[in-house]
PDB file of all heavy atoms in Angstrom:
ATOM      1  N   PRO A   1     114.888  84.312  73.299  1.00  0.00           N
ATOM      2  CA  PRO A   1     115.122  84.664  74.673  1.00  0.00           C
ATOM      3  C   PRO A   1     116.177  85.894  74.871  1.00  0.00           C
ATOM      4  O   PRO A   1     116.090  86.506  75.811  1.00  0.00           O
ATOM      5  CB  PRO A   1     115.734  83.392  75.253  1.00  0.00           C
ATOM      6  CG  PRO A   1     115.319  82.271  74.340  1.00  0.00           C
ATOM      7  CD  PRO A   1     115.262  82.993  72.960  1.00  0.00           C
ATOM      8  N   THR A   2     117.063  86.059  73.914  1.00  0.00           N
ATOM      9  CA  THR A   2     117.988  87.117  73.993  1.00  0.00           C
ATOM     10  C   THR A   2     117.457  88.494  73.672  1.00  0.00           C
ATOM     11  O   THR A   2     118.039  89.437  73.699  1.00  0.00           O
ATOM     12  CB  THR A   2     119.157  86.796  73.132  1.00  0.00           C
ATOM     13  OG1 THR A   2     118.791  86.689  71.842  1.00  0.00           O
ATOM     14  CG2 THR A   2     119.915  85.624  73.610  1.00  0.00           C
ATOM     15  N   ILE A   3     116.163  88.515  73.255  1.00  0.00           N
ATOM     16  CA  ILE A   3     115.422  89.729  72.833  1.00  0.00           C
ATOM     17  C   ILE A   3     116.208  90.620  71.896  1.00  0.00           C
ATOM     18  O   ILE A   3     116.511  91.789  72.127  1.00  0.00           O
ATOM     19  CB  ILE A   3     115.128  90.571  74.161  1.00  0.00           C
ATOM     20  CG1 ILE A   3     114.651  89.766  75.256  1.00  0.00           C
ATOM     21  CG2 ILE A   3     114.064  91.682  73.938  1.00  0.00           C
ATOM     22  CD1 ILE A   3     114.198  90.380  76.531  1.00  0.00           C
ATOM     23  N   LYS A   4     116.618  90.013  70.805  1.00  0.00           N
ATOM     24  CA  LYS A   4     117.226  90.668  69.754  1.00  0.00           C
ATOM     25  C   LYS A   4     116.300  91.098  68.629  1.00  0.00           C
ATOM     26  O   LYS A   4     116.700  91.703  67.608  1.00  0.00           O
ATOM     27  CB  LYS A   4     118.400  89.872  69.180  1.00  0.00           C
ATOM     28  CG  LYS A   4     119.516  89.664  70.231  1.00  0.00           C
ATOM     29  CD  LYS A   4     120.619  88.843  69.609  1.00  0.00           C
ATOM     30  CE  LYS A   4     121.804  88.732  70.642  1.00  0.00           C
ATOM     31  NZ  LYS A   4     122.823  87.921  70.087  1.00  0.00           N
ATOM     32  N   SER A   5     115.026  90.710  68.618  1.00  0.00           N
ATOM     33  CA  SER A   5     114.103  90.914  67.535  1.00  0.00           C
ATOM     34  C   SER A   5     113.842  92.500  67.418  1.00  0.00           C
ATOM     35  O   SER A   5     113.546  93.049  68.371  1.00  0.00           O
ATOM     36  CB  SER A   5     112.794  90.227  67.885  1.00  0.00           C
ATOM     37  OG  SER A   5     111.889  90.744  66.941  1.00  0.00           O
ATOM     38  N   PRO A   6     113.953  93.040  66.188  1.00  0.00           N
ATOM     39  CA  PRO A   6     113.567  94.456  66.013  1.00  0.00           C
ATOM     40  C   PRO A   6     112.187  94.740  66.268  1.00  0.00           C
ATOM     41  O   PRO A   6     111.888  95.798  66.801  1.00  0.00           O
ATOM     42  CB  PRO A   6     113.937  94.595  64.470  1.00  0.00           C
ATOM     43  CG  PRO A   6     115.064  93.511  64.107  1.00  0.00           C
ATOM     44  CD  PRO A   6     114.501  92.356  64.969  1.00  0.00           C
ATOM     45  N   LEU A   7     111.303  93.643  66.048  1.00  0.00           N
ATOM     46  CA  LEU A   7     109.879  93.866  66.313  1.00  0.00           C
ATOM     47  C   LEU A   7     109.599  94.061  67.846  1.00  0.00           C
ATOM     48  O   LEU A   7     108.885  94.988  68.202  1.00  0.00           O
ATOM     49  CB  LEU A   7     109.021  92.724  65.744  1.00  0.00           C
ATOM     50  CG  LEU A   7     107.512  92.757  66.085  1.00  0.00           C
ATOM     51  CD1 LEU A   7     106.843  94.027  65.377  1.00  0.00           C
ATOM     52  CD2 LEU A   7     106.832  91.491  65.544  1.00  0.00           C
ATOM     53  N   LEU A   8     110.254  93.310  68.559  1.00  0.00           N
ATOM     54  CA  LEU A   8     110.174  93.307  70.018  1.00  0.00           C
ATOM     55  C   LEU A   8     110.625  94.725  70.527  1.00  0.00           C
ATOM     56  O   LEU A   8     110.016  95.250  71.386  1.00  0.00           O
ATOM     57  CB  LEU A   8     110.845  92.114  70.758  1.00  0.00           C
ATOM     58  CG  LEU A   8     110.791  92.134  72.218  1.00  0.00           C
ATOM     59  CD1 LEU A   8     109.418  92.234  72.783  1.00  0.00           C
ATOM     60  CD2 LEU A   8     111.534  90.929  72.827  1.00  0.00           C
ATOM     61  N   LEU A   9     111.786  95.087  70.045  1.00  0.00           N
ATOM     62  CA  LEU A   9     112.296  96.323  70.471  1.00  0.00           C
ATOM     63  C   LEU A   9     111.449  97.548  70.283  1.00  0.00           C
ATOM     64  O   LEU A   9     111.286  98.392  70.949  1.00  0.00           O
ATOM     65  CB  LEU A   9     113.714  96.578  69.972  1.00  0.00           C
ATOM     66  CG  LEU A   9     114.891  95.642  70.491  1.00  0.00           C
ATOM     67  CD1 LEU A   9     116.095  95.807  69.576  1.00  0.00           C
ATOM     68  CD2 LEU A   9     115.077  95.894  71.891  1.00  0.00           C
ATOM     69  N   LEU A  10     110.810  97.417  68.940  1.00  0.00           N
ATOM     70  CA  LEU A  10     109.989  98.483  68.549  1.00  0.00           C
ATOM     71  C   LEU A  10     108.623  98.465  69.484  1.00  0.00           C
ATOM     72  O   LEU A  10     108.135  99.524  69.795  1.00  0.00           O
ATOM     73  CB  LEU A  10     109.379  98.229  67.089  1.00  0.00           C
ATOM     74  CG  LEU A  10     108.394  99.155  66.474  1.00  0.00           C
ATOM     75  CD1 LEU A  10     109.036 100.632  66.589  1.00  0.00           C
ATOM     76  CD2 LEU A  10     108.076  98.726  65.054  1.00  0.00           C
ATOM     77  N   ILE A  11     108.165  97.317  69.816  1.00  0.00           N
ATOM     78  CA  ILE A  11     107.052  97.211  70.676  1.00  0.00           C
ATOM     79  C   ILE A  11     107.305  97.824  72.038  1.00  0.00           C
ATOM     80  O   ILE A  11     106.582  98.596  72.677  1.00  0.00           O
ATOM     81  CB  ILE A  11     106.518  95.618  70.862  1.00  0.00           C
ATOM     82  CG1 ILE A  11     105.954  95.301  69.462  1.00  0.00           C
ATOM     83  CG2 ILE A  11     105.591  95.587  71.885  1.00  0.00           C
ATOM     84  CD1 ILE A  11     105.780  93.798  69.520  1.00  0.00           C
ATOM     85  N   LEU A  12     108.558  97.480  72.602  1.00  0.00           N
ATOM     86  CA  LEU A  12     108.908  97.946  73.904  1.00  0.00           C
ATOM     87  C   LEU A  12     109.017  99.510  73.885  1.00  0.00           C
ATOM     88  O   LEU A  12     108.610 100.172  74.826  1.00  0.00           O
ATOM     89  CB  LEU A  12     110.156  97.310  74.392  1.00  0.00           C
ATOM     90  CG  LEU A  12     110.090  95.843  74.711  1.00  0.00           C
ATOM     91  CD1 LEU A  12     111.477  95.321  74.939  1.00  0.00           C
ATOM     92  CD2 LEU A  12     109.193  95.604  75.830  1.00  0.00           C
ATOM     93  N   MET A  13     109.664 100.049  72.795  1.00  0.00           N
ATOM     94  CA  MET A  13     109.758 101.462  72.663  1.00  0.00           C
ATOM     95  C   MET A  13     108.349 102.228  72.595  1.00  0.00           C
ATOM     96  O   MET A  13     108.089 103.201  73.251  1.00  0.00           O
ATOM     97  CB  MET A  13     110.580 101.740  71.382  1.00  0.00           C
ATOM     98  CG  MET A  13     112.040 101.414  71.537  1.00  0.00           C
ATOM     99  SD  MET A  13     112.947 101.730  69.990  1.00  0.00           S
ATOM    100  CE  MET A  13     112.712 103.415  69.780  1.00  0.00           C
ATOM    101  N   LEU A  14     107.563 101.531  71.778  1.00  0.00           N
ATOM    102  CA  LEU A  14     106.116 102.158  71.673  1.00  0.00           C
ATOM    103  C   LEU A  14     105.438 102.156  73.016  1.00  0.00           C
ATOM    104  O   LEU A  14     104.747 102.956  73.409  1.00  0.00           O
ATOM    105  CB  LEU A  14     105.350 101.403  70.638  1.00  0.00           C
ATOM    106  CG  LEU A  14     105.785 101.679  69.113  1.00  0.00           C
ATOM    107  CD1 LEU A  14     105.024 100.698  68.189  1.00  0.00           C
ATOM    108  CD2 LEU A  14     105.471 103.166  68.793  1.00  0.00           C
ATOM    109  N   SER A  15     105.493 101.065  73.759  1.00  0.00           N
ATOM    110  CA  SER A  15     104.934 100.888  75.030  1.00  0.00           C
ATOM    111  C   SER A  15     105.406 101.994  75.987  1.00  0.00           C
ATOM    112  O   SER A  15     104.724 102.719  76.789  1.00  0.00           O
ATOM    113  CB  SER A  15     105.167  99.490  75.728  1.00  0.00           C
ATOM    114  OG  SER A  15     104.688  98.441  74.831  1.00  0.00           O
ATOM    115  N   SER A  16     106.722 102.203  76.039  1.00  0.00           N
ATOM    116  CA  SER A  16     107.363 103.178  76.876  1.00  0.00           C
ATOM    117  C   SER A  16     106.858 104.616  76.519  1.00  0.00           C
ATOM    118  O   SER A  16     106.570 105.374  77.373  1.00  0.00           O
ATOM    119  CB  SER A  16     108.836 103.133  76.780  1.00  0.00           C
ATOM    120  OG  SER A  16     109.592 104.204  77.494  1.00  0.00           O
ATOM    121  N   MET A  17     106.843 104.870  75.173  1.00  0.00           N
ATOM    122  CA  MET A  17     106.413 106.196  74.777  1.00  0.00           C
ATOM    123  C   MET A  17     104.990 106.506  75.085  1.00  0.00           C
ATOM    124  O   MET A  17     104.574 107.422  75.541  1.00  0.00           O
ATOM    125  CB  MET A  17     106.527 106.351  73.187  1.00  0.00           C
ATOM    126  CG  MET A  17     107.956 106.315  72.853  1.00  0.00           C
ATOM    127  SD  MET A  17     108.242 106.241  70.985  1.00  0.00           S
ATOM    128  CE  MET A  17     107.342 107.658  70.388  1.00  0.00           C
ATOM    129  N   LEU A  18     104.195 105.443  74.930  1.00  0.00           N
ATOM    130  CA  LEU A  18     102.664 105.504  75.263  1.00  0.00           C
ATOM    131  C   LEU A  18     102.468 105.797  76.793  1.00  0.00           C
ATOM    132  O   LEU A  18     101.722 106.661  77.234  1.00  0.00           O
ATOM    133  CB  LEU A  18     101.872 104.378  74.829  1.00  0.00           C
ATOM    134  CG  LEU A  18     101.571 104.072  73.387  1.00  0.00           C
ATOM    135  CD1 LEU A  18     101.098 102.769  73.065  1.00  0.00           C
ATOM    136  CD2 LEU A  18     100.778 105.199  72.896  1.00  0.00           C
ATOM    137  N   SER A  19     103.293 105.088  77.635  1.00  0.00           N
ATOM    138  CA  SER A  19     103.169 105.345  79.125  1.00  0.00           C
ATOM    139  C   SER A  19     103.695 106.676  79.403  1.00  0.00           C
ATOM    140  O   SER A  19     103.114 107.435  80.260  1.00  0.00           O
ATOM    141  CB  SER A  19     104.279 104.260  79.884  1.00  0.00           C
ATOM    142  OG  SER A  19     103.686 103.032  79.535  1.00  0.00           O
ATOM    143  N   SER A  20     104.713 107.189  78.758  1.00  0.00           N
ATOM    144  CA  SER A  20     105.287 108.586  78.979  1.00  0.00           C
ATOM    145  C   SER A  20     104.214 109.624  78.623  1.00  0.00           C
ATOM    146  O   SER A  20     104.012 110.584  79.400  1.00  0.00           O
ATOM    147  CB  SER A  20     106.520 108.845  78.343  1.00  0.00           C
ATOM    148  OG  SER A  20     107.538 107.933  78.766  1.00  0.00           O
ATOM    149  N   ALA A  21     103.578 109.430  77.519  1.00  0.00           N
ATOM    150  CA  ALA A  21     102.657 110.270  77.041  1.00  0.00           C
ATOM    151  C   ALA A  21     101.435 110.286  77.958  1.00  0.00           C
ATOM    152  O   ALA A  21     100.764 111.413  78.313  1.00  0.00           O
ATOM    153  CB  ALA A  21     102.083 110.023  75.529  1.00  0.00           C
ATOM    154  N   ALA A  22     100.982 109.132  78.509  1.00  0.00           N
ATOM    155  CA  ALA A  22      99.792 109.194  79.339  1.00  0.00           C
ATOM    156  C   ALA A  22     100.119 109.901  80.657  1.00  0.00           C
ATOM    157  O   ALA A  22      99.353 110.592  81.237  1.00  0.00           O
ATOM    158  CB  ALA A  22      99.518 107.641  79.703  1.00  0.00           C
ATOM    159  N   LEU A  23     101.374 109.731  81.201  1.00  0.00           N
ATOM    160  CA  LEU A  23     101.774 110.422  82.397  1.00  0.00           C
ATOM    161  C   LEU A  23     101.805 111.857  82.194  1.00  0.00           C
ATOM    162  O   LEU A  23     101.287 112.606  82.969  1.00  0.00           O
ATOM    163  CB  LEU A  23     103.142 109.929  82.778  1.00  0.00           C
ATOM    164  CG  LEU A  23     103.711 110.558  84.143  1.00  0.00           C
ATOM    165  CD1 LEU A  23     102.841 110.280  85.282  1.00  0.00           C
ATOM    166  CD2 LEU A  23     105.186 110.067  84.392  1.00  0.00           C
ATOM    167  N   ALA A  24     102.355 112.347  81.027  1.00  0.00           N
ATOM    168  CA  ALA A  24     102.362 113.688  80.792  1.00  0.00           C
ATOM    169  C   ALA A  24     100.979 114.294  80.670  1.00  0.00           C
ATOM    170  O   ALA A  24     100.788 115.462  81.047  1.00  0.00           O
ATOM    171  CB  ALA A  24     103.235 113.927  79.459  1.00  0.00           C
ATOM    172  N   ALA A  25      99.992 113.601  80.034  1.00  0.00           N
ATOM    173  CA  ALA A  25      98.695 114.059  79.956  1.00  0.00           C
ATOM    174  C   ALA A  25      97.988 114.292  81.140  1.00  0.00           C
ATOM    175  O   ALA A  25      97.070 115.049  81.407  1.00  0.00           O
ATOM    176  CB  ALA A  25      97.888 113.074  79.003  1.00  0.00           C
ATOM    177  N   ASP A  26      98.435 113.488  82.242  1.00  0.00           N
ATOM    178  CA  ASP A  26      97.819 113.552  83.543  1.00  0.00           C
ATOM    179  C   ASP A  26      98.489 114.716  84.438  1.00  0.00           C
ATOM    180  O   ASP A  26      98.142 114.942  85.541  1.00  0.00           O
ATOM    181  CB  ASP A  26      97.979 112.296  84.266  1.00  0.00           C
ATOM    182  CG  ASP A  26      96.943 111.260  83.676  1.00  0.00           C
ATOM    183  OD1 ASP A  26      96.101 111.547  82.951  1.00  0.00           O
ATOM    184  OD2 ASP A  26      97.290 109.960  83.803  1.00  0.00           O
ATOM    185  N   THR A  27      99.637 115.310  83.957  1.00  0.00           N
ATOM    186  CA  THR A  27     100.334 116.380  84.638  1.00  0.00           C
ATOM    187  C   THR A  27      99.918 117.658  84.304  1.00  0.00           C
ATOM    188  O   THR A  27      99.761 118.007  83.130  1.00  0.00           O
ATOM    189  CB  THR A  27     101.771 116.073  84.462  1.00  0.00           C
ATOM    190  OG1 THR A  27     102.262 114.841  84.886  1.00  0.00           O
ATOM    191  CG2 THR A  27     102.549 117.170  85.277  1.00  0.00           C
ATOM    192  N   ASN A  28      99.612 118.520  85.285  1.00  0.00           N
ATOM    193  CA  ASN A  28      99.087 119.835  85.044  1.00  0.00           C
ATOM    194  C   ASN A  28     100.245 120.712  85.003  1.00  0.00           C
ATOM    195  O   ASN A  28     100.974 120.823  86.029  1.00  0.00           O
ATOM    196  CB  ASN A  28      98.044 120.295  86.110  1.00  0.00           C
ATOM    197  CG  ASN A  28      96.862 119.445  86.061  1.00  0.00           C
ATOM    198  OD1 ASN A  28      96.332 119.217  84.997  1.00  0.00           O
ATOM    199  ND2 ASN A  28      96.365 118.999  87.217  1.00  0.00           N
ATOM    200  N   GLN A  29     100.544 121.483  84.003  1.00  0.00           N
ATOM    201  CA  GLN A  29     101.678 122.393  83.964  1.00  0.00           C
ATOM    202  C   GLN A  29     101.146 123.723  84.317  1.00  0.00           C
ATOM    203  O   GLN A  29     100.208 124.361  83.955  1.00  0.00           O
ATOM    204  CB  GLN A  29     102.212 122.534  82.495  1.00  0.00           C
ATOM    205  CG  GLN A  29     103.361 123.361  82.270  1.00  0.00           C
ATOM    206  CD  GLN A  29     104.001 123.140  80.893  1.00  0.00           C
ATOM    207  OE1 GLN A  29     104.566 122.228  80.628  1.00  0.00           O
ATOM    208  NE2 GLN A  29     103.774 124.243  80.153  1.00  0.00           N
ATOM    209  N   VAL A  30     102.025 124.381  85.201  1.00  0.00           N
ATOM    210  CA  VAL A  30     101.800 125.738  85.752  1.00  0.00           C
ATOM    211  C   VAL A  30     102.918 126.675  85.177  1.00  0.00           C
ATOM    212  O   VAL A  30     104.162 126.415  85.671  1.00  0.00           O
ATOM    213  CB  VAL A  30     101.653 125.675  87.144  1.00  0.00           C
ATOM    214  CG1 VAL A  30     101.378 127.113  87.734  1.00  0.00           C
ATOM    215  CG2 VAL A  30     100.585 124.783  87.753  1.00  0.00           C
ATOM    216  N   THR A  31     102.663 127.791  84.612  1.00  0.00           N
ATOM    217  CA  THR A  31     103.685 128.660  84.122  1.00  0.00           C
ATOM    218  C   THR A  31     103.681 129.896  85.143  1.00  0.00           C
ATOM    219  O   THR A  31     102.658 130.477  85.426  1.00  0.00           O
ATOM    220  CB  THR A  31     103.313 129.143  82.708  1.00  0.00           C
ATOM    221  OG1 THR A  31     103.209 128.095  81.820  1.00  0.00           O
ATOM    222  CG2 THR A  31     104.446 130.127  82.245  1.00  0.00           C
ATOM    223  N   ILE A  32     104.868 130.147  85.689  1.00  0.00           N
ATOM    224  CA  ILE A  32     104.926 131.148  86.643  1.00  0.00           C
ATOM    225  C   ILE A  32     106.051 132.262  86.255  1.00  0.00           C
ATOM    226  O   ILE A  32     106.829 131.965  85.410  1.00  0.00           O
ATOM    227  CB  ILE A  32     105.384 130.578  88.082  1.00  0.00           C
ATOM    228  CG1 ILE A  32     106.759 129.917  88.005  1.00  0.00           C
ATOM    229  CG2 ILE A  32     104.330 129.596  88.487  1.00  0.00           C
ATOM    230  CD1 ILE A  32     107.388 129.493  89.361  1.00  0.00           C
ATOM    231  N   ASN A  33     106.050 133.322  87.024  1.00  0.00           N
ATOM    232  CA  ASN A  33     107.134 134.222  86.881  1.00  0.00           C
ATOM    233  C   ASN A  33     108.345 133.738  87.461  1.00  0.00           C
ATOM    234  O   ASN A  33     108.283 133.114  88.512  1.00  0.00           O
ATOM    235  CB  ASN A  33     106.628 135.551  87.467  1.00  0.00           C
ATOM    236  CG  ASN A  33     107.670 136.730  87.355  1.00  0.00           C
ATOM    237  OD1 ASN A  33     108.248 136.806  86.230  1.00  0.00           O
ATOM    238  ND2 ASN A  33     107.996 137.468  88.365  1.00  0.00           N
ATOM    239  N   LYS A  34     109.571 133.991  86.935  1.00  0.00           N
ATOM    240  CA  LYS A  34     110.764 133.458  87.650  1.00  0.00           C
ATOM    241  C   LYS A  34     110.942 134.166  88.887  1.00  0.00           C
ATOM    242  O   LYS A  34     111.161 135.392  89.020  1.00  0.00           O
ATOM    243  CB  LYS A  34     111.900 133.799  86.563  1.00  0.00           C
ATOM    244  CG  LYS A  34     113.253 133.331  87.149  1.00  0.00           C
ATOM    245  CD  LYS A  34     114.386 133.658  86.234  1.00  0.00           C
ATOM    246  CE  LYS A  34     115.691 133.233  86.791  1.00  0.00           C
ATOM    247  NZ  LYS A  34     116.842 133.700  85.687  1.00  0.00           N
ATOM    248  N   PRO A  35     111.011 133.403  90.013  1.00  0.00           N
ATOM    249  CA  PRO A  35     111.147 133.966  91.285  1.00  0.00           C
ATOM    250  C   PRO A  35     112.537 134.725  91.446  1.00  0.00           C
ATOM    251  O   PRO A  35     113.459 134.202  90.873  1.00  0.00           O
ATOM    252  CB  PRO A  35     111.023 132.862  92.253  1.00  0.00           C
ATOM    253  CG  PRO A  35     110.382 131.660  91.529  1.00  0.00           C
ATOM    254  CD  PRO A  35     110.857 131.961  90.135  1.00  0.00           C
ATOM    255  N   ARG A  36     112.471 135.873  92.125  1.00  0.00           N
ATOM    256  CA  ARG A  36     113.758 136.476  92.412  1.00  0.00           C
ATOM    257  C   ARG A  36     114.622 135.711  93.352  1.00  0.00           C
ATOM    258  O   ARG A  36     114.093 135.030  94.257  1.00  0.00           O
ATOM    259  CB  ARG A  36     113.490 137.891  93.059  1.00  0.00           C
ATOM    260  CG  ARG A  36     112.906 138.857  92.046  1.00  0.00           C
ATOM    261  CD  ARG A  36     112.777 140.349  92.784  1.00  0.00           C
ATOM    262  NE  ARG A  36     112.339 141.239  91.853  1.00  0.00           N
ATOM    263  CZ  ARG A  36     111.214 141.516  91.410  1.00  0.00           C
ATOM    264  NH1 ARG A  36     110.033 140.755  92.034  1.00  0.00           N
ATOM    265  NH2 ARG A  36     110.767 142.435  90.531  1.00  0.00           N
ATOM    266  N   GLN A  37     115.916 135.790  93.175  1.00  0.00           N
ATOM    267  CA  GLN A  37     116.808 135.062  94.132  1.00  0.00           C
ATOM    268  C   GLN A  37     116.587 135.425  95.654  1.00  0.00           C
ATOM    269  O   GLN A  37     116.478 136.596  95.928  1.00  0.00           O
ATOM    270  CB  GLN A  37     118.264 135.408  93.706  1.00  0.00           C
ATOM    271  CG  GLN A  37     119.398 134.585  94.392  1.00  0.00           C
ATOM    272  CD  GLN A  37     120.749 134.844  94.052  1.00  0.00           C
ATOM    273  OE1 GLN A  37     120.958 135.625  93.203  1.00  0.00           O
ATOM    274  NE2 GLN A  37     121.656 134.028  94.549  1.00  0.00           N
ATOM    275  N   GLY A  38     116.370 134.369  96.387  1.00  0.00           N
ATOM    276  CA  GLY A  38     116.168 134.559  97.818  1.00  0.00           C
ATOM    277  C   GLY A  38     114.647 134.907  98.135  1.00  0.00           C
ATOM    278  O   GLY A  38     114.370 135.225  99.193  1.00  0.00           O
TER     279      GLY A  38
END
């Protein structure tokens, strides 16, 4: 119950990484010229 298992921590880390990767894959990146100040 105290969630000290290395296996559980690894699983949680992998789940977080997979979720972040999935979100990044769904995000369209747009490269632009740096706008002038103002």
